[in-house]
Every structure is written in C-alpha cells, then in structure tokens.
Amino acid sequence: AIVGGLNIPVERFATIVHPTASISSSATIGFGAVIHQNVA
C-alpha cells in the first residue's frame, strides 16, 4: 500500500543483485527485488 501510493510504474524500480549472490539462469527476479550477499 505504501509503495503503491507513490504511483511509480513497476518497471521504474531497479533490481539489485549483490555480486556474491548465486542465481540460476532459469530463475526469474522481479522489478525492484533486492538480493543481498551470499543468497542462493
């Protein structure tokens, strides 16, 4: 509700993935997701 109230289109949220995260090439990550250190 808080984020929706800002009326920002979802595609204007940056996706942030730490360099140490391990993400499968078959996985999908949404707009505005933040993936921190050493996440698998």
ModelCIF file with pLDDT and N, C-alpha, C, O atoms, coordinates in Angstrom:
data_MODEL
#
_entry.id   MODEL 
#
_entity.id                         1 
_entity.type                       polymer 
_entity.pdbx_number_of_molecules   1 
#
_entity_poly.entity_id                      1 
_entity_poly.type                           'polypeptide(L)' 
_entity_poly.nstd_linkage                   no 
_entity_poly.nstd_monomer                   no 
_entity_poly.pdbx_seq_one_letter_code       AIVGGLNIPVERFATIVHPTASISSSATIGFGAVIHQNVA 
_entity_poly.pdbx_seq_one_letter_code_can   AIVGGLNIPVERFATIVHPTASISSSATIGFGAVIHQNVA 
_entity_poly.pdbx_strand_id                 A 
#
loop_
_entity_poly_seq.entity_id 
_entity_poly_seq.num 
_entity_poly_seq.mon_id 
_entity_poly_seq.hetero 
1 1  ALA n 
1 2  ILE n 
1 3  VAL n 
1 4  GLY n 
1 5  GLY n 
1 6  LEU n 
1 7  ASN n 
1 8  ILE n 
1 9  PRO n 
1 10 VAL n 
1 11 GLU n 
1 12 ARG n 
1 13 PHE n 
1 14 ALA n 
1 15 THR n 
1 16 ILE n 
1 17 VAL n 
1 18 HIS n 
1 19 PRO n 
1 20 THR n 
1 21 ALA n 
1 22 SER n 
1 23 ILE n 
1 24 SER n 
1 25 SER n 
1 26 SER n 
1 27 ALA n 
1 28 THR n 
1 29 ILE n 
1 30 GLY n 
1 31 PHE n 
1 32 GLY n 
1 33 ALA n 
1 34 VAL n 
1 35 ILE n 
1 36 HIS n 
1 37 GLN n 
1 38 ASN n 
1 39 VAL n 
1 40 ALA n 
#
_struct_asym.id          A 
_struct_asym.entity_id   1 
#
loop_
_ma_qa_metric.id 
_ma_qa_metric.mode 
_ma_qa_metric.name 
_ma_qa_metric.software_group_id 
_ma_qa_metric.type 
1 global pLDDT . pLDDT 
2 local  pLDDT . pLDDT 
#
_ma_qa_metric_global.metric_id      1 
_ma_qa_metric_global.metric_value   96.50 
_ma_qa_metric_global.model_id       1 
_ma_qa_metric_global.ordinal_id     1 
#
loop_
_ma_qa_metric_local.label_asym_id 
_ma_qa_metric_local.label_comp_id 
_ma_qa_metric_local.label_seq_id 
_ma_qa_metric_local.metric_id 
_ma_qa_metric_local.metric_value 
_ma_qa_metric_local.model_id 
_ma_qa_metric_local.ordinal_id 
A ALA 1  2 94.00 1 1  
A ILE 2  2 91.00 1 2  
A VAL 3  2 93.00 1 3  
A GLY 4  2 92.00 1 4  
A GLY 5  2 91.00 1 5  
A LEU 6  2 91.00 1 6  
A ASN 7  2 92.00 1 7  
A ILE 8  2 94.00 1 8  
A PRO 9  2 95.00 1 9  
A VAL 10 2 96.00 1 10 
A GLU 11 2 96.00 1 11 
A ARG 12 2 96.00 1 12 
A PHE 13 2 97.00 1 13 
A ALA 14 2 97.00 1 14 
A THR 15 2 97.00 1 15 
A ILE 16 2 98.00 1 16 
A VAL 17 2 98.00 1 17 
A HIS 18 2 98.00 1 18 
A PRO 19 2 97.00 1 19 
A THR 20 2 98.00 1 20 
A ALA 21 2 98.00 1 21 
A SER 22 2 98.00 1 22 
A ILE 23 2 98.00 1 23 
A SER 24 2 98.00 1 24 
A SER 25 2 98.00 1 25 
A SER 26 2 98.00 1 26 
A ALA 27 2 98.00 1 27 
A THR 28 2 98.00 1 28 
A ILE 29 2 98.00 1 29 
A GLY 30 2 98.00 1 30 
A PHE 31 2 98.00 1 31 
A GLY 32 2 97.00 1 32 
A ALA 33 2 98.00 1 33 
A VAL 34 2 98.00 1 34 
A ILE 35 2 98.00 1 35 
A HIS 36 2 98.00 1 36 
A GLN 37 2 98.00 1 37 
A ASN 38 2 98.00 1 38 
A VAL 39 2 98.00 1 39 
A ALA 40 2 98.00 1 40 
#
loop_
_atom_site.group_PDB 
_atom_site.id 
_atom_site.type_symbol 
_atom_site.label_atom_id 
_atom_site.label_alt_id 
_atom_site.label_comp_id 
_atom_site.label_asym_id 
_atom_site.label_entity_id 
_atom_site.label_seq_id 
_atom_site.pdbx_PDB_ins_code 
_atom_site.Cartn_x 
_atom_site.Cartn_y 
_atom_site.Cartn_z 
_atom_site.occupancy 
_atom_site.B_iso_or_equiv 
_atom_site.pdbx_formal_charge 
_atom_site.auth_seq_id 
_atom_site.auth_comp_id 
_atom_site.auth_asym_id 
_atom_site.auth_atom_id 
_atom_site.pdbx_PDB_model_num 
ATOM 1   N N  . ALA A 1 1  ? 0.824  -1.210  0.000   1.00 94.00 ? 1  ALA A N  1 
ATOM 2   C CA . ALA A 1 1  ? 0.000  0.000   0.000   1.00 94.00 ? 1  ALA A CA 1 
ATOM 3   C C  . ALA A 1 1  ? 0.855  1.256   0.000   1.00 94.00 ? 1  ALA A C  1 
ATOM 4   O O  . ALA A 1 1  ? 0.530  2.228   -0.683  1.00 94.00 ? 1  ALA A O  1 
ATOM 5   N N  . ILE A 1 2  ? 1.948  1.246   0.761   1.00 91.00 ? 2  ILE A N  1 
ATOM 6   C CA . ILE A 1 2  ? 2.823  2.421   0.826   1.00 91.00 ? 2  ILE A CA 1 
ATOM 7   C C  . ILE A 1 2  ? 3.475  2.675   -0.524  1.00 91.00 ? 2  ILE A C  1 
ATOM 8   O O  . ILE A 1 2  ? 3.454  3.796   -1.032  1.00 91.00 ? 2  ILE A O  1 
ATOM 9   N N  . VAL A 1 3  ? 4.051  1.630   -1.101  1.00 93.00 ? 3  VAL A N  1 
ATOM 10  C CA . VAL A 1 3  ? 4.731  1.791   -2.385  1.00 93.00 ? 3  VAL A CA 1 
ATOM 11  C C  . VAL A 1 3  ? 3.719  2.101   -3.488  1.00 93.00 ? 3  VAL A C  1 
ATOM 12  O O  . VAL A 1 3  ? 3.979  2.937   -4.352  1.00 93.00 ? 3  VAL A O  1 
ATOM 13  N N  . GLY A 1 4  ? 2.572  1.432   -3.460  1.00 92.00 ? 4  GLY A N  1 
ATOM 14  C CA . GLY A 1 4  ? 1.550  1.694   -4.468  1.00 92.00 ? 4  GLY A CA 1 
ATOM 15  C C  . GLY A 1 4  ? 1.052  3.123   -4.428  1.00 92.00 ? 4  GLY A C  1 
ATOM 16  O O  . GLY A 1 4  ? 0.702  3.695   -5.460  1.00 92.00 ? 4  GLY A O  1 
ATOM 17  N N  . GLY A 1 5  ? 1.019  3.706   -3.224  1.00 91.00 ? 5  GLY A N  1 
ATOM 18  C CA . GLY A 1 5  ? 0.572  5.084   -3.076  1.00 91.00 ? 5  GLY A CA 1 
ATOM 19  C C  . GLY A 1 5  ? 1.486  6.099   -3.725  1.00 91.00 ? 5  GLY A C  1 
ATOM 20  O O  . GLY A 1 5  ? 1.097  7.253   -3.899  1.00 91.00 ? 5  GLY A O  1 
ATOM 21  N N  . LEU A 1 6  ? 2.708  5.693   -4.093  1.00 91.00 ? 6  LEU A N  1 
ATOM 22  C CA . LEU A 1 6  ? 3.641  6.608   -4.744  1.00 91.00 ? 6  LEU A CA 1 
ATOM 23  C C  . LEU A 1 6  ? 3.389  6.701   -6.247  1.00 91.00 ? 6  LEU A C  1 
ATOM 24  O O  . LEU A 1 6  ? 3.933  7.578   -6.919  1.00 91.00 ? 6  LEU A O  1 
ATOM 25  N N  . ASN A 1 7  ? 2.562  5.792   -6.772  1.00 92.00 ? 7  ASN A N  1 
ATOM 26  C CA . ASN A 1 7  ? 2.199  5.806   -8.197  1.00 92.00 ? 7  ASN A CA 1 
ATOM 27  C C  . ASN A 1 7  ? 3.414  5.745   -9.118  1.00 92.00 ? 7  ASN A C  1 
ATOM 28  O O  . ASN A 1 7  ? 3.482  6.448   -10.126 1.00 92.00 ? 7  ASN A O  1 
ATOM 29  N N  . ILE A 1 8  ? 4.368  4.898   -8.756  1.00 94.00 ? 8  ILE A N  1 
ATOM 30  C CA . ILE A 1 8  ? 5.548  4.680   -9.593  1.00 94.00 ? 8  ILE A CA 1 
ATOM 31  C C  . ILE A 1 8  ? 5.327  3.410   -10.417 1.00 94.00 ? 8  ILE A C  1 
ATOM 32  O O  . ILE A 1 8  ? 5.055  2.360   -9.835  1.00 94.00 ? 8  ILE A O  1 
ATOM 33  N N  . PRO A 1 9  ? 5.431  3.464   -11.739 1.00 95.00 ? 9  PRO A N  1 
ATOM 34  C CA . PRO A 1 9  ? 5.293  2.239   -12.539 1.00 95.00 ? 9  PRO A CA 1 
ATOM 35  C C  . PRO A 1 9  ? 6.310  1.197   -12.095 1.00 95.00 ? 9  PRO A C  1 
ATOM 36  O O  . PRO A 1 9  ? 7.451  1.531   -11.778 1.00 95.00 ? 9  PRO A O  1 
ATOM 37  N N  . VAL A 1 10 ? 5.896  -0.058  -12.072 1.00 96.00 ? 10 VAL A N  1 
ATOM 38  C CA . VAL A 1 10 ? 6.751  -1.110  -11.527 1.00 96.00 ? 10 VAL A CA 1 
ATOM 39  C C  . VAL A 1 10 ? 8.076  -1.204  -12.271 1.00 96.00 ? 10 VAL A C  1 
ATOM 40  O O  . VAL A 1 10 ? 9.095  -1.551  -11.674 1.00 96.00 ? 10 VAL A O  1 
ATOM 41  N N  . GLU A 1 11 ? 8.076  -0.900  -13.565 1.00 96.00 ? 11 GLU A N  1 
ATOM 42  C CA . GLU A 1 11 ? 9.308  -1.013  -14.343 1.00 96.00 ? 11 GLU A CA 1 
ATOM 43  C C  . GLU A 1 11 ? 10.330 0.067   -13.987 1.00 96.00 ? 11 GLU A C  1 
ATOM 44  O O  . GLU A 1 11 ? 11.469 0.012   -14.452 1.00 96.00 ? 11 GLU A O  1 
ATOM 45  N N  . ARG A 1 12 ? 9.942  1.042   -13.171 1.00 96.00 ? 12 ARG A N  1 
ATOM 46  C CA . ARG A 1 12 ? 10.902 2.060   -12.731 1.00 96.00 ? 12 ARG A CA 1 
ATOM 47  C C  . ARG A 1 12 ? 11.584 1.685   -11.424 1.00 96.00 ? 12 ARG A C  1 
ATOM 48  O O  . ARG A 1 12 ? 12.335 2.483   -10.864 1.00 96.00 ? 12 ARG A O  1 
ATOM 49  N N  . PHE A 1 13 ? 11.334 0.497   -10.945 1.00 97.00 ? 13 PHE A N  1 
ATOM 50  C CA . PHE A 1 13 ? 12.068 0.003   -9.775  1.00 97.00 ? 13 PHE A CA 1 
ATOM 51  C C  . PHE A 1 13 ? 13.260 -0.818  -10.244 1.00 97.00 ? 13 PHE A C  1 
ATOM 52  O O  . PHE A 1 13 ? 13.112 -1.753  -11.032 1.00 97.00 ? 13 PHE A O  1 
ATOM 53  N N  . ALA A 1 14 ? 14.445 -0.460  -9.751  1.00 97.00 ? 14 ALA A N  1 
ATOM 54  C CA . ALA A 1 14 ? 15.671 -1.150  -10.142 1.00 97.00 ? 14 ALA A CA 1 
ATOM 55  C C  . ALA A 1 14 ? 15.799 -2.473  -9.392  1.00 97.00 ? 14 ALA A C  1 
ATOM 56  O O  . ALA A 1 14 ? 15.476 -2.563  -8.207  1.00 97.00 ? 14 ALA A O  1 
ATOM 57  N N  . THR A 1 15 ? 16.268 -3.483  -10.088 1.00 97.00 ? 15 THR A N  1 
ATOM 58  C CA . THR A 1 15 ? 16.553 -4.772  -9.467  1.00 97.00 ? 15 THR A CA 1 
ATOM 59  C C  . THR A 1 15 ? 18.020 -4.784  -9.051  1.00 97.00 ? 15 THR A C  1 
ATOM 60  O O  . THR A 1 15 ? 18.908 -4.516  -9.860  1.00 97.00 ? 15 THR A O  1 
ATOM 61  N N  . ILE A 1 16 ? 18.265 -5.099  -7.777  1.00 98.00 ? 16 ILE A N  1 
ATOM 62  C CA . ILE A 1 16 ? 19.600 -5.013  -7.193  1.00 98.00 ? 16 ILE A CA 1 
ATOM 63  C C  . ILE A 1 16 ? 20.048 -6.414  -6.786  1.00 98.00 ? 16 ILE A C  1 
ATOM 64  O O  . ILE A 1 16 ? 19.392 -7.061  -5.969  1.00 98.00 ? 16 ILE A O  1 
ATOM 65  N N  . VAL A 1 17 ? 21.157 -6.886  -7.348  1.00 98.00 ? 17 VAL A N  1 
ATOM 66  C CA . VAL A 1 17 ? 21.673 -8.228  -7.032  1.00 98.00 ? 17 VAL A CA 1 
ATOM 67  C C  . VAL A 1 17 ? 23.138 -8.108  -6.638  1.00 98.00 ? 17 VAL A C  1 
ATOM 68  O O  . VAL A 1 17 ? 23.968 -7.681  -7.441  1.00 98.00 ? 17 VAL A O  1 
ATOM 69  N N  . HIS A 1 18 ? 23.457 -8.486  -5.400  1.00 98.00 ? 18 HIS A N  1 
ATOM 70  C CA . HIS A 1 18 ? 24.837 -8.407  -4.921  1.00 98.00 ? 18 HIS A CA 1 
ATOM 71  C C  . HIS A 1 18 ? 25.733 -9.337  -5.738  1.00 98.00 ? 18 HIS A C  1 
ATOM 72  O O  . HIS A 1 18 ? 25.293 -10.413 -6.145  1.00 98.00 ? 18 HIS A O  1 
ATOM 73  N N  . PRO A 1 19 ? 26.979 -8.940  -5.982  1.00 97.00 ? 19 PRO A N  1 
ATOM 74  C CA . PRO A 1 19 ? 27.882 -9.770  -6.788  1.00 97.00 ? 19 PRO A CA 1 
ATOM 75  C C  . PRO A 1 19 ? 28.121 -11.171 -6.215  1.00 97.00 ? 19 PRO A C  1 
ATOM 76  O O  . PRO A 1 19 ? 28.463 -12.086 -6.965  1.00 97.00 ? 19 PRO A O  1 
ATOM 77  N N  . THR A 1 20 ? 27.950 -11.354 -4.907  1.00 98.00 ? 20 THR A N  1 
ATOM 78  C CA . THR A 1 20 ? 28.200 -12.674 -4.323  1.00 98.00 ? 20 THR A CA 1 
ATOM 79  C C  . THR A 1 20 ? 26.976 -13.589 -4.365  1.00 98.00 ? 20 THR A C  1 
ATOM 80  O O  . THR A 1 20 ? 27.083 -14.763 -4.009  1.00 98.00 ? 20 THR A O  1 
ATOM 81  N N  . ALA A 1 21 ? 25.817 -13.081 -4.790  1.00 98.00 ? 21 ALA A N  1 
ATOM 82  C CA . ALA A 1 21 ? 24.614 -13.916 -4.877  1.00 98.00 ? 21 ALA A CA 1 
ATOM 83  C C  . ALA A 1 21 ? 24.772 -14.924 -6.012  1.00 98.00 ? 21 ALA A C  1 
ATOM 84  O O  . ALA A 1 21 ? 25.390 -14.637 -7.037  1.00 98.00 ? 21 ALA A O  1 
ATOM 85  N N  . SER A 1 22 ? 24.203 -16.103 -5.809  1.00 98.00 ? 22 SER A N  1 
ATOM 86  C CA . SER A 1 22 ? 24.221 -17.150 -6.831  1.00 98.00 ? 22 SER A CA 1 
ATOM 87  C C  . SER A 1 22 ? 22.791 -17.383 -7.307  1.00 98.00 ? 22 SER A C  1 
ATOM 88  O O  . SER A 1 22 ? 21.947 -17.855 -6.546  1.00 98.00 ? 22 SER A O  1 
ATOM 89  N N  . ILE A 1 23 ? 22.522 -17.051 -8.565  1.00 98.00 ? 23 ILE A N  1 
ATOM 90  C CA . ILE A 1 23 ? 21.167 -17.121 -9.098  1.00 98.00 ? 23 ILE A CA 1 
ATOM 91  C C  . ILE A 1 23 ? 21.159 -17.984 -10.354 1.00 98.00 ? 23 ILE A C  1 
ATOM 92  O O  . ILE A 1 23 ? 21.887 -17.706 -11.307 1.00 98.00 ? 23 ILE A O  1 
ATOM 93  N N  . SER A 1 24 ? 20.345 -19.020 -10.355 1.00 98.00 ? 24 SER A N  1 
ATOM 94  C CA . SER A 1 24 ? 20.240 -19.905 -11.509 1.00 98.00 ? 24 SER A CA 1 
ATOM 95  C C  . SER A 1 24 ? 19.803 -19.125 -12.745 1.00 98.00 ? 24 SER A C  1 
ATOM 96  O O  . SER A 1 24 ? 19.023 -18.176 -12.656 1.00 98.00 ? 24 SER A O  1 
ATOM 97  N N  . SER A 1 25 ? 20.317 -19.539 -13.893 1.00 98.00 ? 25 SER A N  1 
ATOM 98  C CA . SER A 1 25 ? 19.919 -18.906 -15.150 1.00 98.00 ? 25 SER A CA 1 
ATOM 99  C C  . SER A 1 25 ? 18.449 -19.157 -15.473 1.00 98.00 ? 25 SER A C  1 
ATOM 100 O O  . SER A 1 25 ? 17.863 -18.452 -16.294 1.00 98.00 ? 25 SER A O  1 
ATOM 101 N N  . SER A 1 26 ? 17.852 -20.162 -14.826 1.00 98.00 ? 26 SER A N  1 
ATOM 102 C CA . SER A 1 26 ? 16.438 -20.450 -15.066 1.00 98.00 ? 26 SER A CA 1 
ATOM 103 C C  . SER A 1 26 ? 15.519 -19.769 -14.064 1.00 98.00 ? 26 SER A C  1 
ATOM 104 O O  . SER A 1 26 ? 14.297 -19.862 -14.185 1.00 98.00 ? 26 SER A O  1 
ATOM 105 N N  . ALA A 1 27 ? 16.091 -19.083 -13.072 1.00 98.00 ? 27 ALA A N  1 
ATOM 106 C CA . ALA A 1 27 ? 15.284 -18.349 -12.093 1.00 98.00 ? 27 ALA A CA 1 
ATOM 107 C C  . ALA A 1 27 ? 14.864 -17.009 -12.676 1.00 98.00 ? 27 ALA A C  1 
ATOM 108 O O  . ALA A 1 27 ? 15.511 -16.496 -13.589 1.00 98.00 ? 27 ALA A O  1 
ATOM 109 N N  . THR A 1 28 ? 13.781 -16.440 -12.152 1.00 98.00 ? 28 THR A N  1 
ATOM 110 C CA . THR A 1 28 ? 13.348 -15.111 -12.579 1.00 98.00 ? 28 THR A CA 1 
ATOM 111 C C  . THR A 1 28 ? 13.249 -14.202 -11.360 1.00 98.00 ? 28 THR A C  1 
ATOM 112 O O  . THR A 1 28 ? 12.795 -14.614 -10.293 1.00 98.00 ? 28 THR A O  1 
ATOM 113 N N  . ILE A 1 29 ? 13.685 -12.956 -11.542 1.00 98.00 ? 29 ILE A N  1 
ATOM 114 C CA . ILE A 1 29 ? 13.721 -11.973 -10.461 1.00 98.00 ? 29 ILE A CA 1 
ATOM 115 C C  . ILE A 1 29 ? 12.936 -10.754 -10.915 1.00 98.00 ? 29 ILE A C  1 
ATOM 116 O O  . ILE A 1 29 ? 13.175 -10.235 -12.005 1.00 98.00 ? 29 ILE A O  1 
ATOM 117 N N  . GLY A 1 30 ? 11.994 -10.286 -10.085 1.00 98.00 ? 30 GLY A N  1 
ATOM 118 C CA . GLY A 1 30 ? 11.108 -9.210  -10.463 1.00 98.00 ? 30 GLY A CA 1 
ATOM 119 C C  . GLY A 1 30 ? 11.724 -7.828  -10.354 1.00 98.00 ? 30 GLY A C  1 
ATOM 120 O O  . GLY A 1 30 ? 12.834 -7.657  -9.850  1.00 98.00 ? 30 GLY A O  1 
ATOM 121 N N  . PHE A 1 31 ? 10.971 -6.841  -10.843 1.00 98.00 ? 31 PHE A N  1 
ATOM 122 C CA . PHE A 1 31 ? 11.377 -5.444  -10.720 1.00 98.00 ? 31 PHE A CA 1 
ATOM 123 C C  . PHE A 1 31 ? 11.476 -5.057  -9.246  1.00 98.00 ? 31 PHE A C  1 
ATOM 124 O O  . PHE A 1 31 ? 10.632 -5.442  -8.436  1.00 98.00 ? 31 PHE A O  1 
ATOM 125 N N  . GLY A 1 32 ? 12.510 -4.296  -8.907  1.00 97.00 ? 32 GLY A N  1 
ATOM 126 C CA . GLY A 1 32 ? 12.636 -3.772  -7.559  1.00 97.00 ? 32 GLY A CA 1 
ATOM 127 C C  . GLY A 1 32 ? 13.057 -4.782  -6.520  1.00 97.00 ? 32 GLY A C  1 
ATOM 128 O O  . GLY A 1 32 ? 13.141 -4.440  -5.340  1.00 97.00 ? 32 GLY A O  1 
ATOM 129 N N  . ALA A 1 33 ? 13.326 -6.024  -6.914  1.00 98.00 ? 33 ALA A N  1 
ATOM 130 C CA . ALA A 1 33 ? 13.815 -7.007  -5.950  1.00 98.00 ? 33 ALA A CA 1 
ATOM 131 C C  . ALA A 1 33 ? 15.241 -6.634  -5.535  1.00 98.00 ? 33 ALA A C  1 
ATOM 132 O O  . ALA A 1 33 ? 16.019 -6.117  -6.336  1.00 98.00 ? 33 ALA A O  1 
ATOM 133 N N  . VAL A 1 34 ? 15.565 -6.904  -4.275  1.00 98.00 ? 34 VAL A N  1 
ATOM 134 C CA . VAL A 1 34 ? 16.914 -6.661  -3.759  1.00 98.00 ? 34 VAL A CA 1 
ATOM 135 C C  . VAL A 1 34 ? 17.440 -7.979  -3.214  1.00 98.00 ? 34 VAL A C  1 
ATOM 136 O O  . VAL A 1 34 ? 16.861 -8.550  -2.289  1.00 98.00 ? 34 VAL A O  1 
ATOM 137 N N  . ILE A 1 35 ? 18.535 -8.460  -3.785  1.00 98.00 ? 35 ILE A N  1 
ATOM 138 C CA . ILE A 1 35 ? 19.139 -9.731  -3.409  1.00 98.00 ? 35 ILE A CA 1 
ATOM 139 C C  . ILE A 1 35 ? 20.496 -9.418  -2.782  1.00 98.00 ? 35 ILE A C  1 
ATOM 140 O O  . ILE A 1 35 ? 21.399 -8.925  -3.458  1.00 98.00 ? 35 ILE A O  1 
ATOM 141 N N  . HIS A 1 36 ? 20.635 -9.704  -1.496  1.00 98.00 ? 36 HIS A N  1 
ATOM 142 C CA . HIS A 1 36 ? 21.841 -9.321  -0.756  1.00 98.00 ? 36 HIS A CA 1 
ATOM 143 C C  . HIS A 1 36 ? 22.938 -10.383 -0.836  1.00 98.00 ? 36 HIS A C  1 
ATOM 144 O O  . HIS A 1 36 ? 22.856 -11.316 -1.635  1.00 98.00 ? 36 HIS A O  1 
ATOM 145 N N  . GLN A 1 37 ? 23.960 -10.228 -0.001  1.00 98.00 ? 37 GLN A N  1 
ATOM 146 C CA . GLN A 1 37 ? 25.155 -11.053 -0.063  1.00 98.00 ? 37 GLN A CA 1 
ATOM 147 C C  . GLN A 1 37 ? 24.877 -12.543 0.155   1.00 98.00 ? 37 GLN A C  1 
ATOM 148 O O  . GLN A 1 37 ? 24.101 -12.927 1.029   1.00 98.00 ? 37 GLN A O  1 
ATOM 149 N N  . ASN A 1 38 ? 25.532 -13.367 -0.665  1.00 98.00 ? 38 ASN A N  1 
ATOM 150 C CA . ASN A 1 38 ? 25.581 -14.823 -0.478  1.00 98.00 ? 38 ASN A CA 1 
ATOM 151 C C  . ASN A 1 38 ? 24.214 -15.498 -0.522  1.00 98.00 ? 38 ASN A C  1 
ATOM 152 O O  . ASN A 1 38 ? 24.049 -16.590 0.021   1.00 98.00 ? 38 ASN A O  1 
ATOM 153 N N  . VAL A 1 39 ? 23.252 -14.874 -1.149  1.00 98.00 ? 39 VAL A N  1 
ATOM 154 C CA . VAL A 1 39 ? 21.947 -15.509 -1.348  1.00 98.00 ? 39 VAL A CA 1 
ATOM 155 C C  . VAL A 1 39 ? 22.073 -16.548 -2.464  1.00 98.00 ? 39 VAL A C  1 
ATOM 156 O O  . VAL A 1 39 ? 22.779 -16.329 -3.448  1.00 98.00 ? 39 VAL A O  1 
ATOM 157 N N  . ALA A 1 40 ? 21.378 -17.685 -2.300  1.00 98.00 ? 40 ALA A N  1 
ATOM 158 C CA . ALA A 1 40 ? 21.312 -18.700 -3.353  1.00 98.00 ? 40 ALA A CA 1 
ATOM 159 C C  . ALA A 1 40 ? 19.867 -18.832 -3.835  1.00 98.00 ? 40 ALA A C  1 
ATOM 160 O O  . ALA A 1 40 ? 19.583 -19.635 -4.724  1.00 98.00 ? 40 ALA A O  1 
#
